[in-house]
C-alpha atoms as a PDB file:
ATOM      1  CA  MET A   1      -8.430  -7.431   4.140  1.00  0.00           C
ATOM      2  CA  SER A   2      -9.755  -9.577   1.370  1.00  0.00           C
ATOM      3  CA  ASP A   3      -7.333  -8.274  -1.298  1.00  0.00           C
ATOM      4  CA  PRO A   4      -3.816  -7.761   0.111  1.00  0.00           C
ATOM      5  CA  VAL A   5      -2.527  -6.341  -3.201  1.00  0.00           C
ATOM      6  CA  ASN A   6      -5.031  -3.486  -3.058  1.00  0.00           C
ATOM      7  CA  ALA A   7      -5.276  -3.240   0.710  1.00  0.00           C
ATOM      8  CA  VAL A   8      -6.116   0.057   2.346  1.00  0.00           C
ATOM      9  CA  LEU A   9      -4.210   0.588   5.579  1.00  0.00           C
ATOM     10  CA  VAL A  10      -5.042   3.290   8.086  1.00  0.00           C
ATOM     11  CA  SER A  11      -2.241   4.403  10.357  1.00  0.00           C
ATOM     12  CA  ALA A  12      -2.793   4.383  14.094  1.00  0.00           C
ATOM     13  CA  ALA A  13      -1.256   7.874  13.909  1.00  0.00           C
ATOM     14  CA  SER A  14      -4.184   9.032  11.742  1.00  0.00           C
ATOM     15  CA  ILE A  15      -6.768   7.723  14.205  1.00  0.00           C
ATOM     16  CA  TRP A  16      -4.802   9.326  17.043  1.00  0.00           C
ATOM     17  CA  GLU A  17      -4.724  12.693  15.253  1.00  0.00           C
ATOM     18  CA  ILE A  18      -8.445  12.541  14.448  1.00  0.00           C
ATOM     19  CA  GLU A  19      -9.365  11.711  18.042  1.00  0.00           C
ATOM     20  CA  ILE A  20      -7.146  14.465  19.467  1.00  0.00           C
ATOM     21  CA  THR A  21      -8.611  16.993  17.033  1.00  0.00           C
ATOM     22  CA  ARG A  22     -12.130  15.896  17.970  1.00  0.00           C
ATOM     23  CA  ALA A  23     -11.348  16.077  21.708  1.00  0.00           C
ATOM     24  CA  LEU A  24     -10.070  19.634  21.254  1.00  0.00           C
ATOM     25  CA  GLY A  25     -13.371  20.593  19.623  1.00  0.00           C
ATOM     26  CA  ARG A  26     -11.808  21.278  16.224  1.00  0.00           C
ATOM     27  CA  LEU A  27     -13.534  18.383  14.451  1.00  0.00           C
ATOM     28  CA  ASP A  28     -17.238  17.696  14.557  1.00  0.00           C
ATOM     29  CA  ALA A  29     -17.405  13.998  13.828  1.00  0.00           C
ATOM     30  CA  GLY A  30     -20.425  13.296  15.979  1.00  0.00           C
ATOM     31  CA  ASP A  31     -20.180   9.935  17.656  1.00  0.00           C
ATOM     32  CA  ALA A  32     -18.315   8.262  14.794  1.00  0.00           C
ATOM     33  CA  ASP A  33     -16.309   5.233  15.873  1.00  0.00           C
ATOM     34  CA  PHE A  34     -13.341   5.335  13.530  1.00  0.00           C
ATOM     35  CA  VAL A  35     -11.890   2.056  14.790  1.00  0.00           C
ATOM     36  CA  ALA A  36     -15.178   0.276  14.047  1.00  0.00           C
ATOM     37  CA  GLU A  37     -15.234   1.912  10.607  1.00  0.00           C
ATOM     38  CA  LEU A  38     -11.920   0.224   9.788  1.00  0.00           C
ATOM     39  CA  LYS A  39     -13.585  -3.173  10.097  1.00  0.00           C
ATOM     40  CA  VAL A  40     -16.794  -2.141   8.337  1.00  0.00           C
ATOM     41  CA  ASN A  41     -14.788  -0.916   5.334  1.00  0.00           C
ATOM     42  CA  ASP A  42     -12.313  -3.822   5.365  1.00  0.00           C
ATOM     43  CA  PHE A  43      -9.401  -1.457   6.048  1.00  0.00           C
ATOM     44  CA  GLY A  44      -6.308  -2.797   7.753  1.00  0.00           C
ATOM     45  CA  GLU A  45      -4.554  -1.122  10.644  1.00  0.00           C
ATOM     46  CA  LEU A  46      -0.989   0.127  10.298  1.00  0.00           C
ATOM     47  CA  PRO A  47       0.521   0.191  13.784  1.00  0.00           C
ATOM     48  CA  VAL A  48       3.174   2.674  14.835  1.00  0.00           C
ATOM     49  CA  ARG A  49       6.396   0.699  15.304  1.00  0.00           C
ATOM     50  CA  ALA A  50       9.653   1.666  16.975  1.00  0.00           C
ATOM     51  CA  ALA A  51      11.380   1.710  13.578  1.00  0.00           C
ATOM     52  CA  HIS A  52       8.797   4.209  12.327  1.00  0.00           C
ATOM     53  CA  ALA A  53       9.496   6.484  15.286  1.00  0.00           C
ATOM     54  CA  SER A  54      13.220   6.309  14.623  1.00  0.00           C
ATOM     55  CA  ILE A  55      12.779   7.197  10.952  1.00  0.00           C
ATOM     56  CA  ALA A  56      10.383  10.051  11.790  1.00  0.00           C
ATOM     57  CA  ALA A  57      12.944  11.549  14.164  1.00  0.00           C
ATOM     58  CA  GLN A  58      15.624  11.479  11.453  1.00  0.00           C
ATOM     59  CA  LEU A  59      13.578  13.072   8.655  1.00  0.00           C
ATOM     60  CA  PRO A  60      14.721  16.420   7.250  1.00  0.00           C
ATOM     61  CA  SER A  61      12.956  19.416   8.757  1.00  0.00           C
ATOM     62  CA  HIS A  62      10.772  20.286   5.764  1.00  0.00           C
ATOM     63  CA  HIS A  63       7.754  19.954   8.031  1.00  0.00           C
ATOM     64  CA  THR A  64       7.308  19.806  11.801  1.00  0.00           C
ATOM     65  CA  ASP A  65       3.833  18.274  12.175  1.00  0.00           C
ATOM     66  CA  PRO A  66       4.508  15.099  14.199  1.00  0.00           C
ATOM     67  CA  PHE A  67       1.546  13.192  12.743  1.00  0.00           C
ATOM     68  CA  ASP A  68       2.581  13.910   9.150  1.00  0.00           C
ATOM     69  CA  ARG A  69       6.177  13.015   9.959  1.00  0.00           C
ATOM     70  CA  MET A  70       5.010   9.666  11.344  1.00  0.00           C
ATOM     71  CA  LEU A  71       2.929   8.982   8.233  1.00  0.00           C
ATOM     72  CA  ILE A  72       5.908   9.838   6.027  1.00  0.00           C
ATOM     73  CA  ALA A  73       8.127   7.505   8.050  1.00  0.00           C
ATOM     74  CA  GLN A  74       5.578   4.703   7.801  1.00  0.00           C
ATOM     75  CA  VAL A  75       5.209   5.141   4.040  1.00  0.00           C
ATOM     76  CA  GLN A  76       8.997   5.070   3.633  1.00  0.00           C
ATOM     77  CA  ALA A  77       9.551   2.085   5.935  1.00  0.00           C
ATOM     78  CA  GLU A  78       6.741  -0.042   4.542  1.00  0.00           C
ATOM     79  CA  GLY A  79       7.025   0.947   0.867  1.00  0.00           C
ATOM     80  CA  LEU A  80       3.454   2.240   0.770  1.00  0.00           C
ATOM     81  CA  VAL A  81       1.555   4.922  -1.125  1.00  0.00           C
ATOM     82  CA  CYS A  82       0.042   7.687   1.005  1.00  0.00           C
ATOM     83  CA  VAL A  83      -3.398   9.062   0.145  1.00  0.00           C
ATOM     84  CA  THR A  84      -3.040  12.806   0.735  1.00  0.00           C
ATOM     85  CA  VAL A  85      -3.495  16.174  -0.926  1.00  0.00           C
ATOM     86  CA  ASP A  86      -0.794  17.755   1.243  1.00  0.00           C
ATOM     87  CA  PRO A  87       2.054  18.863  -1.066  1.00  0.00           C
ATOM     88  CA  ILE A  88       4.602  18.755   1.786  1.00  0.00           C
ATOM     89  CA  PHE A  89       4.782  14.974   1.345  1.00  0.00           C
ATOM     90  CA  ASP A  90       6.458  15.571  -2.034  1.00  0.00           C
ATOM     91  CA  ALA A  91       9.441  17.135  -0.252  1.00  0.00           C
ATOM     92  CA  TYR A  92      10.145  13.736   1.307  1.00  0.00           C
ATOM     93  CA  GLY A  93       9.979  11.811  -1.960  1.00  0.00           C
ATOM     94  CA  VAL A  94       7.175   9.503  -0.840  1.00  0.00           C
ATOM     95  CA  ALA A  95       4.620   8.080  -3.224  1.00  0.00           C
ATOM     96  CA  THR A  96       1.255   9.820  -2.919  1.00  0.00           C
ATOM     97  CA  LEU A  97      -2.166   9.382  -4.447  1.00  0.00           C
ATOM     98  CA  TRP A  98      -4.922  11.939  -4.849  1.00  0.00           C
END
C-alpha cells in the first residue's frame, strides 16, 4: 500500500464469502484470482482476528449474516469506513461509503 492514509483494505471475510458463493455456483467469476487482484490493485489485506470474532458475536441481532457481522466488527474494531450499499450497516452505526 503506497498511501496508508487512503489505503483500501479487503477483509479476508470478503474473499471467503466470494469463494464460497462461487463454489456453490451462485457467482460466475470465471477463473478470477481475487487474492492476486489484491496485489495488482495495491489493496491491503485485513485479516480476521480473534478480537473481531468476539465483537461479531456480541453485536445486536439486527442482522444474522455472519460475513456482514464480521465486516461490521472489523470496521468497529479498526476504526475503518466500509464500502457498501447495504443499509443494514447503518443499524450498527458504522461509517459507510457508497
